C-alpha atoms as a PDB file:
ATOM      1  CA  MET A   1      36.374 -31.134  -7.893  1.00  0.00           C
ATOM      2  CA  SER A   2      36.654 -28.284 -10.398  1.00  0.00           C
ATOM      3  CA  ASP A   3      39.343 -25.602 -10.368  1.00  0.00           C
ATOM      4  CA  SER A   4      36.853 -23.058 -11.725  1.00  0.00           C
ATOM      5  CA  GLN A   5      35.915 -21.971  -8.207  1.00  0.00           C
ATOM      6  CA  ASN A   6      35.593 -18.232  -7.604  1.00  0.00           C
ATOM      7  CA  TRP A   7      37.117 -16.533  -4.567  1.00  0.00           C
ATOM      8  CA  TYR A   8      35.877 -13.541  -2.616  1.00  0.00           C
ATOM      9  CA  ILE A   9      37.424 -11.115  -0.129  1.00  0.00           C
ATOM     10  CA  VAL A  10      35.083 -10.418   2.784  1.00  0.00           C
ATOM     11  CA  LYS A  11      35.779  -7.727   5.365  1.00  0.00           C
ATOM     12  CA  GLN A  12      35.138  -9.034   8.877  1.00  0.00           C
ATOM     13  CA  LYS A  13      33.721  -6.962  11.742  1.00  0.00           C
ATOM     14  CA  ASN A  14      37.228  -6.555  13.215  1.00  0.00           C
ATOM     15  CA  GLY A  15      38.430  -4.904   9.979  1.00  0.00           C
ATOM     16  CA  GLN A  16      40.491  -7.826   8.709  1.00  0.00           C
ATOM     17  CA  CYS A  17      39.725  -9.293   5.299  1.00  0.00           C
ATOM     18  CA  GLU A  18      39.315 -13.018   4.771  1.00  0.00           C
ATOM     19  CA  ILE A  19      39.574 -14.858   1.462  1.00  0.00           C
ATOM     20  CA  ILE A  20      36.842 -17.459   1.053  1.00  0.00           C
ATOM     21  CA  PRO A  21      35.576 -19.638  -1.801  1.00  0.00           C
ATOM     22  CA  SER A  22      32.247 -18.710  -3.322  1.00  0.00           C
ATOM     23  CA  PRO A  23      30.137 -21.474  -1.743  1.00  0.00           C
ATOM     24  CA  GLN A  24      30.893 -19.986   1.665  1.00  0.00           C
ATOM     25  CA  VAL A  25      29.716 -16.455   0.779  1.00  0.00           C
ATOM     26  CA  GLU A  26      26.524 -15.888   2.741  1.00  0.00           C
ATOM     27  CA  GLY A  27      24.217 -12.916   2.397  1.00  0.00           C
ATOM     28  CA  GLY A  28      22.399 -11.197   5.203  1.00  0.00           C
ATOM     29  CA  GLU A  29      25.313  -9.547   6.946  1.00  0.00           C
ATOM     30  CA  ASP A  30      26.301  -6.005   6.052  1.00  0.00           C
ATOM     31  CA  LEU A  31      29.924  -6.844   5.327  1.00  0.00           C
ATOM     32  CA  GLU A  32      31.998  -5.403   2.505  1.00  0.00           C
ATOM     33  CA  CYS A  33      32.810  -7.962  -0.148  1.00  0.00           C
ATOM     34  CA  TRP A  34      35.077  -7.863  -3.217  1.00  0.00           C
ATOM     35  CA  GLY A  35      35.105 -10.385  -6.022  1.00  0.00           C
ATOM     36  CA  PRO A  36      34.665 -12.812  -7.587  1.00  0.00           C
ATOM     37  CA  PHE A  37      38.288 -13.581  -8.433  1.00  0.00           C
ATOM     38  CA  ALA A  38      39.260 -16.473 -10.697  1.00  0.00           C
ATOM     39  CA  SER A  39      41.981 -17.801  -8.388  1.00  0.00           C
ATOM     40  CA  GLN A  40      42.971 -17.699  -4.743  1.00  0.00           C
ATOM     41  CA  GLN A  41      46.309 -16.139  -5.758  1.00  0.00           C
ATOM     42  CA  GLU A  42      44.507 -13.244  -7.475  1.00  0.00           C
ATOM     43  CA  ALA A  43      42.350 -12.720  -4.381  1.00  0.00           C
ATOM     44  CA  ILE A  44      45.479 -12.649  -2.187  1.00  0.00           C
ATOM     45  CA  ALA A  45      47.058 -10.023  -4.452  1.00  0.00           C
ATOM     46  CA  ARG A  46      43.885  -7.914  -4.330  1.00  0.00           C
ATOM     47  CA  ARG A  47      43.729  -8.216  -0.525  1.00  0.00           C
ATOM     48  CA  ILE A  48      47.274  -6.833  -0.318  1.00  0.00           C
ATOM     49  CA  GLY A  49      46.087  -3.877  -2.390  1.00  0.00           C
ATOM     50  CA  LEU A  50      43.104  -3.360  -0.074  1.00  0.00           C
ATOM     51  CA  ILE A  51      45.432  -3.407   2.960  1.00  0.00           C
ATOM     52  CA  ARG A  52      47.713  -0.820   1.324  1.00  0.00           C
ATOM     53  CA  ALA A  53      44.672   1.326   0.482  1.00  0.00           C
ATOM     54  CA  GLY A  54      43.530   1.206   4.121  1.00  0.00           C
ATOM     55  CA  LYS A  55      40.329  -0.737   3.388  1.00  0.00           C
ATOM     56  CA  CYS A  56      41.460  -3.817   5.367  1.00  0.00           C
ATOM     57  CA  LYS A  57      43.659  -4.392   8.405  1.00  0.00           C
ATOM     58  CA  PRO A  58      46.622  -6.756   8.034  1.00  0.00           C
ATOM     59  CA  ALA A  59      46.289 -10.120   9.763  1.00  0.00           C
END
């Protein structure tokens, strides 16, 4: 398996943001999405920023 997988932050209906790998990103729902990010660690750091900015609720 390749480490070149992209990661996305997807805002759920309850306001929390989930970090998911790109193959799991599905269209059709009107959810906010940020990314792609090169690593899961980068996506985690960005999610912390989104929580601090009030865009996402903490888990």
